[in-house]
Amino acid sequence: MSINLYSIKHLNNTLDLFDSEKKLYSSKWFMEFGKLGSEIFNFENKTIYYITKKFKFWKWKMIFTIKDQKSQLTELISQNNKKTIYSIDINEITYEIKIHYKKKKSIYKNNYKIAEIDESFMYKGFNDHIKLQLLEEKDLEISFLLFSCLKIGEIEQRSKAILTSQKQLEPNEEPWD
């Protein structure tokens, strides 16, 4: 199993994804008409996705509406009340993102782990960066899209999550570290 390594820099309301020193994708979130939104850009700085974050109070679910370049709509929906598991169906493929303790997240494609994101990663040369480990490069865009959805509204990488306990998070049954 060969794992590709990428870094994500989180500064204010912007995320930038790098392969070595080359920027591949970026996202910026903003407030628009009382709703939080985000745009994902490719390396040419062209918008490839537009995201709107909504909380459905009566269903107690967080929903991210994603519109691509062809104006096709899909939704990333929280699957539990703790908001630690999110799921989306794209082209008959189910993607799921799970939030773990120690600031880690895992991304699954049809129940097979394809990526792991480590926000606690601190290494010389990776200062203030988030580590993204990925099995296949073809899943890079969707992995960055899903991670960007969860980061909408967060200003700093080092900000503390408002959770009462790490026990509320999902166990990482297949850690890559």
N, C-alpha and C. Protein backbone atom coordinates (compact mmCIF):
# COMPACT_ATOMS: atom_id res chain seq x y z
N MET A 1 0.84 -1.17 0.00
CA MET A 1 0.00 0.00 0.00
C MET A 1 0.89 1.24 0.00
N SER A 2 0.84 2.00 -1.06
CA SER A 2 1.61 3.23 -1.19
C SER A 2 0.71 4.41 -0.83
N ILE A 3 1.16 5.20 0.13
CA ILE A 3 0.36 6.33 0.58
C ILE A 3 0.98 7.62 0.08
N ASN A 4 0.16 8.45 -0.56
CA ASN A 4 0.60 9.77 -1.02
C ASN A 4 0.42 10.77 0.10
N LEU A 5 1.37 11.67 0.25
CA LEU A 5 1.34 12.65 1.32
C LEU A 5 1.14 14.05 0.76
N TYR A 6 0.20 14.79 1.35
CA TYR A 6 -0.09 16.16 0.97
C TYR A 6 -0.17 16.99 2.25
N SER A 7 -0.07 18.30 2.10
CA SER A 7 -0.22 19.18 3.26
C SER A 7 -1.30 20.22 2.97
N ILE A 8 -2.01 20.59 4.01
CA ILE A 8 -3.06 21.60 3.92
C ILE A 8 -2.70 22.72 4.89
N LYS A 9 -2.68 23.93 4.40
CA LYS A 9 -2.40 25.09 5.25
C LYS A 9 -3.71 25.80 5.53
N HIS A 10 -3.99 26.01 6.83
CA HIS A 10 -5.22 26.67 7.27
C HIS A 10 -4.86 28.03 7.83
N LEU A 11 -5.28 29.08 7.16
CA LEU A 11 -4.99 30.44 7.61
C LEU A 11 -6.28 31.26 7.50
N ASN A 12 -6.77 31.73 8.65
CA ASN A 12 -8.02 32.49 8.72
C ASN A 12 -9.17 31.71 8.08
N ASN A 13 -9.73 32.19 6.98
CA ASN A 13 -10.87 31.51 6.35
C ASN A 13 -10.45 30.80 5.06
N THR A 14 -9.17 30.44 4.94
CA THR A 14 -8.65 29.84 3.72
C THR A 14 -7.95 28.52 4.01
N LEU A 15 -8.18 27.55 3.14
CA LEU A 15 -7.43 26.29 3.15
C LEU A 15 -6.71 26.17 1.81
N ASP A 16 -5.42 25.82 1.85
CA ASP A 16 -4.64 25.60 0.63
C ASP A 16 -4.05 24.20 0.70
N LEU A 17 -4.22 23.42 -0.37
CA LEU A 17 -3.69 22.06 -0.45
C LEU A 17 -2.45 22.05 -1.32
N PHE A 18 -1.37 21.48 -0.78
CA PHE A 18 -0.08 21.45 -1.48
C PHE A 18 0.41 20.03 -1.71
N ASP A 19 1.06 19.84 -2.84
CA ASP A 19 1.83 18.64 -3.12
C ASP A 19 3.27 19.13 -3.23
N SER A 20 4.11 18.82 -2.27
CA SER A 20 5.44 19.42 -2.13
C SER A 20 5.22 20.92 -1.91
N GLU A 21 5.62 21.76 -2.85
CA GLU A 21 5.43 23.21 -2.69
C GLU A 21 4.39 23.76 -3.67
N LYS A 22 3.84 22.93 -4.53
CA LYS A 22 2.89 23.37 -5.55
C LYS A 22 1.47 23.34 -5.00
N LYS A 23 0.75 24.47 -5.13
CA LYS A 23 -0.64 24.53 -4.66
C LYS A 23 -1.54 23.86 -5.69
N LEU A 24 -2.35 22.89 -5.23
CA LEU A 24 -3.24 22.15 -6.11
C LEU A 24 -4.69 22.64 -6.02
N TYR A 25 -5.16 22.87 -4.80
CA TYR A 25 -6.54 23.32 -4.57
C TYR A 25 -6.53 24.34 -3.43
N SER A 26 -7.57 25.14 -3.39
CA SER A 26 -7.76 26.04 -2.26
C SER A 26 -9.26 26.22 -2.03
N SER A 27 -9.61 26.62 -0.83
CA SER A 27 -11.01 26.91 -0.53
C SER A 27 -11.07 28.11 0.40
N LYS A 28 -12.14 28.87 0.27
CA LYS A 28 -12.36 30.04 1.11
C LYS A 28 -13.81 30.04 1.56
N TRP A 29 -14.04 30.23 2.84
CA TRP A 29 -15.41 30.31 3.33
C TRP A 29 -15.76 31.75 3.63
N PHE A 30 -17.07 32.03 3.64
CA PHE A 30 -17.56 33.39 3.82
C PHE A 30 -18.99 33.34 4.32
N MET A 31 -19.47 34.49 4.78
CA MET A 31 -20.85 34.63 5.22
C MET A 31 -21.62 35.35 4.12
N GLU A 32 -22.75 34.75 3.69
CA GLU A 32 -23.54 35.34 2.62
C GLU A 32 -25.02 35.22 2.96
N PHE A 33 -25.70 36.33 3.09
CA PHE A 33 -27.14 36.37 3.42
C PHE A 33 -27.46 35.54 4.66
N GLY A 34 -26.61 35.63 5.67
CA GLY A 34 -26.85 34.93 6.92
C GLY A 34 -26.47 33.46 6.91
N LYS A 35 -25.96 32.95 5.80
CA LYS A 35 -25.55 31.54 5.71
C LYS A 35 -24.05 31.48 5.46
N LEU A 36 -23.46 30.42 5.96
CA LEU A 36 -22.04 30.20 5.69
C LEU A 36 -21.89 29.48 4.36
N GLY A 37 -20.95 29.93 3.56
CA GLY A 37 -20.69 29.31 2.26
C GLY A 37 -19.20 29.16 2.04
N SER A 38 -18.85 28.44 1.01
CA SER A 38 -17.44 28.24 0.67
C SER A 38 -17.33 27.98 -0.83
N GLU A 39 -16.18 28.32 -1.37
CA GLU A 39 -15.87 28.01 -2.76
C GLU A 39 -14.57 27.23 -2.80
N ILE A 40 -14.51 26.23 -3.67
CA ILE A 40 -13.30 25.43 -3.87
C ILE A 40 -12.73 25.82 -5.23
N PHE A 41 -11.42 26.07 -5.25
CA PHE A 41 -10.74 26.48 -6.48
C PHE A 41 -9.68 25.46 -6.86
N ASN A 42 -9.46 25.28 -8.17
CA ASN A 42 -8.38 24.41 -8.63
C ASN A 42 -7.08 25.21 -8.71
N PHE A 43 -6.01 24.58 -9.23
CA PHE A 43 -4.71 25.25 -9.29
C PHE A 43 -4.71 26.46 -10.23
N GLU A 44 -5.68 26.53 -11.15
CA GLU A 44 -5.80 27.69 -12.05
C GLU A 44 -6.65 28.79 -11.44
N ASN A 45 -7.06 28.60 -10.18
CA ASN A 45 -7.89 29.54 -9.44
C ASN A 45 -9.30 29.68 -10.02
N LYS A 46 -9.79 28.62 -10.66
CA LYS A 46 -11.16 28.58 -11.17
C LYS A 46 -12.05 27.85 -10.16
N THR A 47 -13.24 28.39 -9.93
CA THR A 47 -14.17 27.78 -8.99
C THR A 47 -14.67 26.45 -9.53
N ILE A 48 -14.51 25.38 -8.73
CA ILE A 48 -14.99 24.06 -9.15
C ILE A 48 -16.16 23.57 -8.30
N TYR A 49 -16.32 24.12 -7.08
CA TYR A 49 -17.45 23.77 -6.22
C TYR A 49 -17.89 25.00 -5.43
N TYR A 50 -19.18 25.03 -5.13
CA TYR A 50 -19.74 26.04 -4.25
C TYR A 50 -20.51 25.29 -3.16
N ILE A 51 -20.26 25.62 -1.90
CA ILE A 51 -20.83 24.89 -0.77
C ILE A 51 -21.64 25.84 0.10
N THR A 52 -22.81 25.39 0.56
CA THR A 52 -23.61 26.12 1.53
C THR A 52 -23.81 25.23 2.75
N LYS A 53 -23.53 25.78 3.93
CA LYS A 53 -23.67 25.03 5.19
C LYS A 53 -24.97 25.43 5.86
N LYS A 54 -25.79 24.44 6.21
CA LYS A 54 -27.07 24.69 6.88
C LYS A 54 -27.26 23.71 8.02
N PHE A 55 -27.96 24.16 9.05
CA PHE A 55 -28.33 23.29 10.15
C PHE A 55 -29.83 23.10 10.12
N LYS A 56 -30.28 21.88 9.94
CA LYS A 56 -31.71 21.56 9.94
C LYS A 56 -32.13 21.29 11.39
N PHE A 57 -32.69 22.31 12.01
CA PHE A 57 -33.00 22.24 13.43
C PHE A 57 -33.95 21.09 13.77
N TRP A 58 -35.02 20.93 13.01
CA TRP A 58 -36.03 19.92 13.34
C TRP A 58 -35.52 18.51 13.16
N LYS A 59 -34.57 18.32 12.26
CA LYS A 59 -33.99 16.99 12.06
C LYS A 59 -32.68 16.83 12.84
N TRP A 60 -32.20 17.94 13.41
CA TRP A 60 -30.96 17.97 14.19
C TRP A 60 -29.78 17.44 13.37
N LYS A 61 -29.70 17.92 12.12
CA LYS A 61 -28.65 17.48 11.20
C LYS A 61 -27.96 18.69 10.58
N MET A 62 -26.67 18.52 10.35
CA MET A 62 -25.88 19.51 9.61
C MET A 62 -25.87 19.05 8.16
N ILE A 63 -26.18 19.97 7.24
CA ILE A 63 -26.23 19.63 5.81
C ILE A 63 -25.39 20.63 5.03
N PHE A 64 -24.53 20.08 4.18
CA PHE A 64 -23.71 20.90 3.28
C PHE A 64 -24.21 20.64 1.86
N THR A 65 -24.77 21.67 1.23
CA THR A 65 -25.23 21.55 -0.15
C THR A 65 -24.08 21.93 -1.06
N ILE A 66 -23.72 21.01 -1.97
CA ILE A 66 -22.55 21.19 -2.84
C ILE A 66 -23.03 21.29 -4.28
N LYS A 67 -22.60 22.36 -4.94
CA LYS A 67 -22.93 22.56 -6.35
C LYS A 67 -21.63 22.53 -7.14
N ASP A 68 -21.56 21.68 -8.18
CA ASP A 68 -20.34 21.59 -8.99
C ASP A 68 -20.42 22.54 -10.19
N GLN A 69 -19.46 22.44 -11.10
CA GLN A 69 -19.40 23.32 -12.27
C GLN A 69 -20.60 23.16 -13.19
N LYS A 70 -21.20 21.97 -13.19
CA LYS A 70 -22.35 21.69 -14.05
C LYS A 70 -23.67 22.01 -13.35
N SER A 71 -23.58 22.67 -12.20
CA SER A 71 -24.74 23.05 -11.37
C SER A 71 -25.50 21.85 -10.83
N GLN A 72 -24.84 20.69 -10.74
CA GLN A 72 -25.46 19.52 -10.12
C GLN A 72 -25.33 19.65 -8.60
N LEU A 73 -26.42 19.38 -7.90
CA LEU A 73 -26.45 19.51 -6.45
C LEU A 73 -26.33 18.15 -5.78
N THR A 74 -25.51 18.09 -4.74
CA THR A 74 -25.42 16.92 -3.87
C THR A 74 -25.36 17.44 -2.44
N GLU A 75 -25.60 16.55 -1.48
CA GLU A 75 -25.60 16.97 -0.09
C GLU A 75 -24.74 16.05 0.76
N LEU A 76 -23.89 16.66 1.57
CA LEU A 76 -23.13 15.96 2.60
C LEU A 76 -23.94 16.14 3.88
N ILE A 77 -24.39 15.02 4.47
CA ILE A 77 -25.35 15.07 5.58
C ILE A 77 -24.77 14.36 6.79
N SER A 78 -24.92 14.98 7.97
CA SER A 78 -24.49 14.32 9.21
C SER A 78 -25.39 13.10 9.44
N GLN A 79 -24.77 12.02 9.87
CA GLN A 79 -25.49 10.76 10.03
C GLN A 79 -25.84 10.44 11.48
N ASN A 80 -25.33 11.25 12.42
CA ASN A 80 -25.65 11.01 13.82
C ASN A 80 -25.79 12.36 14.54
N ASN A 81 -26.35 12.32 15.74
CA ASN A 81 -26.58 13.56 16.49
C ASN A 81 -25.29 14.20 16.99
N LYS A 82 -24.23 13.40 17.12
CA LYS A 82 -22.94 13.93 17.58
C LYS A 82 -22.23 14.69 16.47
N LYS A 83 -22.70 14.54 15.23
CA LYS A 83 -22.09 15.15 14.05
C LYS A 83 -20.63 14.74 13.90
N THR A 84 -20.39 13.43 14.03
CA THR A 84 -19.04 12.87 13.87
C THR A 84 -18.94 11.98 12.63
N ILE A 85 -20.07 11.72 11.98
CA ILE A 85 -20.08 10.93 10.75
C ILE A 85 -20.93 11.68 9.72
N TYR A 86 -20.35 11.89 8.54
CA TYR A 86 -21.04 12.56 7.44
C TYR A 86 -20.98 11.65 6.22
N SER A 87 -22.01 11.71 5.39
CA SER A 87 -22.07 10.84 4.22
C SER A 87 -22.61 11.61 3.01
N ILE A 88 -22.12 11.21 1.82
CA ILE A 88 -22.56 11.81 0.56
C ILE A 88 -22.51 10.75 -0.53
N ASP A 89 -23.47 10.78 -1.45
CA ASP A 89 -23.48 9.88 -2.61
C ASP A 89 -23.19 10.70 -3.85
N ILE A 90 -22.12 10.32 -4.57
CA ILE A 90 -21.74 11.00 -5.81
C ILE A 90 -21.50 9.92 -6.86
N ASN A 91 -22.26 9.99 -7.95
CA ASN A 91 -22.12 9.02 -9.06
C ASN A 91 -22.15 7.58 -8.57
N GLU A 92 -23.13 7.27 -7.74
CA GLU A 92 -23.34 5.93 -7.19
C GLU A 92 -22.19 5.44 -6.32
N ILE A 93 -21.38 6.35 -5.82
CA ILE A 93 -20.31 6.03 -4.88
C ILE A 93 -20.64 6.74 -3.57
N THR A 94 -20.58 6.01 -2.46
CA THR A 94 -20.85 6.59 -1.16
C THR A 94 -19.53 6.95 -0.48
N TYR A 95 -19.39 8.23 -0.15
CA TYR A 95 -18.23 8.71 0.60
C TYR A 95 -18.69 9.01 2.01
N GLU A 96 -17.84 8.69 2.96
CA GLU A 96 -18.16 8.93 4.36
C GLU A 96 -16.93 9.52 5.04
N ILE A 97 -17.14 10.51 5.89
CA ILE A 97 -16.04 11.08 6.65
C ILE A 97 -16.37 10.92 8.13
N LYS A 98 -15.39 10.39 8.89
CA LYS A 98 -15.56 10.17 10.32
C LYS A 98 -14.56 11.04 11.07
N ILE A 99 -15.04 11.66 12.14
CA ILE A 99 -14.19 12.51 12.97
C ILE A 99 -13.75 11.70 14.19
N HIS A 100 -12.42 11.60 14.37
CA HIS A 100 -11.84 10.81 15.46
C HIS A 100 -11.23 11.72 16.52
N TYR A 101 -10.85 11.11 17.62
CA TYR A 101 -10.12 11.84 18.65
C TYR A 101 -8.71 12.14 18.14
N LYS A 102 -8.00 12.99 18.85
CA LYS A 102 -6.66 13.46 18.50
C LYS A 102 -6.63 14.21 17.17
N LYS A 103 -7.72 14.92 16.86
CA LYS A 103 -7.82 15.77 15.66
C LYS A 103 -7.55 15.01 14.36
N LYS A 104 -8.08 13.80 14.27
CA LYS A 104 -7.93 13.02 13.04
C LYS A 104 -9.29 12.80 12.40
N LYS A 105 -9.27 12.66 11.08
CA LYS A 105 -10.47 12.38 10.31
C LYS A 105 -10.13 11.30 9.29
N SER A 106 -11.07 10.41 9.02
CA SER A 106 -10.89 9.37 8.01
C SER A 106 -11.96 9.52 6.94
N ILE A 107 -11.57 9.28 5.69
CA ILE A 107 -12.51 9.34 4.58
C ILE A 107 -12.62 7.95 3.98
N TYR A 108 -13.87 7.51 3.79
CA TYR A 108 -14.15 6.17 3.25
C TYR A 108 -14.88 6.30 1.92
N LYS A 109 -14.55 5.39 1.02
CA LYS A 109 -15.21 5.31 -0.29
C LYS A 109 -15.82 3.91 -0.36
N ASN A 110 -17.14 3.83 -0.35
CA ASN A 110 -17.84 2.54 -0.30
C ASN A 110 -17.29 1.65 0.80
N ASN A 111 -17.18 2.20 2.01
CA ASN A 111 -16.73 1.51 3.22
C ASN A 111 -15.27 1.08 3.20
N TYR A 112 -14.46 1.63 2.30
CA TYR A 112 -13.03 1.33 2.23
C TYR A 112 -12.26 2.63 2.50
N LYS A 113 -11.37 2.61 3.47
CA LYS A 113 -10.65 3.83 3.85
C LYS A 113 -9.70 4.27 2.75
N ILE A 114 -9.87 5.53 2.29
CA ILE A 114 -9.03 6.05 1.21
C ILE A 114 -8.13 7.20 1.66
N ALA A 115 -8.44 7.81 2.82
CA ALA A 115 -7.65 8.96 3.26
C ALA A 115 -7.73 9.12 4.77
N GLU A 116 -6.66 9.71 5.30
CA GLU A 116 -6.64 10.08 6.71
C GLU A 116 -6.06 11.49 6.83
N ILE A 117 -6.72 12.31 7.62
CA ILE A 117 -6.30 13.70 7.82
C ILE A 117 -5.91 13.86 9.28
N ASP A 118 -4.73 14.41 9.50
CA ASP A 118 -4.20 14.59 10.86
C ASP A 118 -3.94 16.07 11.10
N GLU A 119 -4.80 16.69 11.91
CA GLU A 119 -4.64 18.12 12.21
C GLU A 119 -3.69 18.36 13.37
N SER A 120 -3.28 17.33 14.07
CA SER A 120 -2.36 17.49 15.19
C SER A 120 -0.92 17.35 14.74
N PHE A 121 -0.71 17.09 13.46
CA PHE A 121 0.62 16.81 12.91
C PHE A 121 1.51 18.04 13.00
N MET A 122 2.60 17.92 13.71
CA MET A 122 3.59 19.00 13.80
C MET A 122 4.96 18.40 13.52
N TYR A 123 5.58 18.83 12.46
CA TYR A 123 6.88 18.32 12.05
C TYR A 123 7.66 19.47 11.43
N LYS A 124 8.96 19.46 11.62
CA LYS A 124 9.79 20.52 11.05
C LYS A 124 9.57 20.57 9.54
N GLY A 125 9.25 21.73 9.03
CA GLY A 125 8.95 21.89 7.61
C GLY A 125 7.46 21.81 7.33
N PHE A 126 6.69 21.25 8.27
CA PHE A 126 5.23 21.17 8.12
C PHE A 126 4.54 22.03 9.16
N ASN A 127 5.25 23.01 9.70
CA ASN A 127 4.70 23.85 10.76
C ASN A 127 3.40 24.52 10.32
N ASP A 128 2.40 24.43 11.16
CA ASP A 128 1.07 24.99 10.89
C ASP A 128 0.41 24.37 9.66
N HIS A 129 0.74 23.15 9.36
CA HIS A 129 0.12 22.45 8.24
C HIS A 129 -0.65 21.23 8.77
N ILE A 130 -1.60 20.81 8.01
CA ILE A 130 -2.39 19.63 8.29
C ILE A 130 -1.93 18.54 7.33
N LYS A 131 -1.76 17.34 7.83
CA LYS A 131 -1.26 16.24 6.99
C LYS A 131 -2.44 15.47 6.39
N LEU A 132 -2.39 15.28 5.08
CA LEU A 132 -3.38 14.48 4.36
C LEU A 132 -2.66 13.29 3.74
N GLN A 133 -3.06 12.09 4.15
CA GLN A 133 -2.52 10.86 3.58
C GLN A 133 -3.60 10.26 2.70
N LEU A 134 -3.22 9.87 1.49
CA LEU A 134 -4.20 9.44 0.50
C LEU A 134 -3.70 8.20 -0.23
N LEU A 135 -4.58 7.23 -0.45
CA LEU A 135 -4.18 6.03 -1.18
C LEU A 135 -3.99 6.29 -2.66
N GLU A 136 -4.96 6.95 -3.29
CA GLU A 136 -4.90 7.19 -4.73
C GLU A 136 -5.11 8.67 -5.04
N GLU A 137 -4.32 9.19 -5.96
CA GLU A 137 -4.38 10.60 -6.31
C GLU A 137 -5.74 11.00 -6.88
N LYS A 138 -6.44 10.06 -7.51
CA LYS A 138 -7.74 10.38 -8.11
C LYS A 138 -8.79 10.79 -7.07
N ASP A 139 -8.56 10.44 -5.81
CA ASP A 139 -9.49 10.80 -4.74
C ASP A 139 -9.11 12.09 -4.02
N LEU A 140 -8.10 12.79 -4.53
CA LEU A 140 -7.63 14.01 -3.88
C LEU A 140 -8.69 15.11 -3.87
N GLU A 141 -9.34 15.34 -5.00
CA GLU A 141 -10.32 16.42 -5.10
C GLU A 141 -11.49 16.20 -4.15
N ILE A 142 -12.05 15.00 -4.12
CA ILE A 142 -13.20 14.73 -3.25
C ILE A 142 -12.78 14.77 -1.78
N SER A 143 -11.58 14.32 -1.47
CA SER A 143 -11.10 14.36 -0.08
C SER A 143 -10.97 15.79 0.40
N PHE A 144 -10.41 16.66 -0.44
CA PHE A 144 -10.27 18.07 -0.07
C PHE A 144 -11.64 18.74 0.03
N LEU A 145 -12.55 18.37 -0.84
CA LEU A 145 -13.91 18.91 -0.79
C LEU A 145 -14.59 18.56 0.53
N LEU A 146 -14.53 17.30 0.94
CA LEU A 146 -15.18 16.87 2.17
C LEU A 146 -14.55 17.55 3.39
N PHE A 147 -13.22 17.63 3.41
CA PHE A 147 -12.54 18.29 4.52
C PHE A 147 -12.90 19.78 4.57
N SER A 148 -12.97 20.41 3.41
CA SER A 148 -13.33 21.84 3.34
C SER A 148 -14.73 22.09 3.90
N CYS A 149 -15.65 21.17 3.64
CA CYS A 149 -17.00 21.31 4.19
C CYS A 149 -16.95 21.40 5.71
N LEU A 150 -16.19 20.51 6.33
CA LEU A 150 -16.15 20.48 7.79
C LEU A 150 -15.45 21.70 8.38
N LYS A 151 -14.60 22.35 7.63
CA LYS A 151 -13.85 23.50 8.13
C LYS A 151 -14.56 24.83 7.92
N ILE A 152 -15.71 24.84 7.26
CA ILE A 152 -16.44 26.09 7.04
C ILE A 152 -16.78 26.71 8.40
N GLY A 153 -16.39 27.95 8.57
CA GLY A 153 -16.68 28.67 9.80
C GLY A 153 -15.54 28.67 10.80
N GLU A 154 -14.54 27.82 10.63
CA GLU A 154 -13.39 27.81 11.53
C GLU A 154 -12.36 28.81 11.06
N ILE A 155 -11.88 29.62 11.98
CA ILE A 155 -10.93 30.68 11.62
C ILE A 155 -9.49 30.21 11.74
N GLU A 156 -9.17 29.47 12.79
CA GLU A 156 -7.79 29.06 13.01
C GLU A 156 -7.68 27.56 13.12
N GLN A 157 -6.54 27.05 12.68
CA GLN A 157 -6.28 25.62 12.78
C GLN A 157 -6.15 25.20 14.23
N ARG A 158 -5.58 26.04 15.07
CA ARG A 158 -5.32 25.70 16.46
C ARG A 158 -6.51 25.93 17.38
N SER A 159 -7.64 26.37 16.85
CA SER A 159 -8.80 26.62 17.71
C SER A 159 -9.30 25.31 18.30
N LYS A 160 -9.80 25.39 19.52
CA LYS A 160 -10.27 24.20 20.20
C LYS A 160 -11.71 23.92 19.82
N ALA A 161 -12.01 22.66 19.63
CA ALA A 161 -13.38 22.26 19.31
C ALA A 161 -14.24 22.36 20.57
N ILE A 162 -15.50 22.66 20.39
CA ILE A 162 -16.40 22.76 21.52
C ILE A 162 -17.10 21.41 21.69
N LEU A 163 -16.38 20.49 22.28
CA LEU A 163 -16.93 19.17 22.57
C LEU A 163 -16.70 18.90 24.05
N THR A 164 -17.64 18.25 24.68
CA THR A 164 -17.49 18.00 26.10
C THR A 164 -16.48 16.90 26.37
N SER A 165 -16.32 15.97 25.46
CA SER A 165 -15.42 14.85 25.71
C SER A 165 -14.93 14.25 24.40
N GLN A 166 -13.67 13.78 24.42
CA GLN A 166 -13.12 13.09 23.26
C GLN A 166 -13.85 11.75 23.05
N LYS A 167 -14.51 11.26 24.09
CA LYS A 167 -15.23 9.99 23.99
C LYS A 167 -16.43 10.08 23.06
N GLN A 168 -16.87 11.30 22.75
CA GLN A 168 -17.99 11.48 21.84
C GLN A 168 -17.60 11.23 20.39
N LEU A 169 -16.30 11.22 20.11
CA LEU A 169 -15.82 11.08 18.74
C LEU A 169 -15.77 9.61 18.34
N GLU A 170 -15.60 9.37 17.04
CA GLU A 170 -15.59 8.00 16.52
C GLU A 170 -14.23 7.35 16.74
N PRO A 171 -14.19 6.06 17.08
CA PRO A 171 -12.89 5.38 17.22
C PRO A 171 -12.23 5.20 15.85
N ASN A 172 -10.92 5.35 15.81
CA ASN A 172 -10.16 5.18 14.57
C ASN A 172 -9.68 3.73 14.54
N GLU A 173 -10.45 2.87 13.89
CA GLU A 173 -10.18 1.44 13.90
C GLU A 173 -9.04 1.03 12.97
N GLU A 174 -8.68 1.89 12.02
CA GLU A 174 -7.60 1.59 11.08
C GLU A 174 -6.62 2.76 11.00
N PRO A 175 -5.92 3.11 12.10
CA PRO A 175 -5.00 4.25 12.02
C PRO A 175 -3.84 3.97 11.08
N TRP A 176 -3.43 4.99 10.35
CA TRP A 176 -2.32 4.84 9.39
C TRP A 176 -0.99 5.26 9.99
N ASP A 177 -0.98 5.77 11.21
CA ASP A 177 0.28 6.18 11.83
C ASP A 177 0.78 5.12 12.77
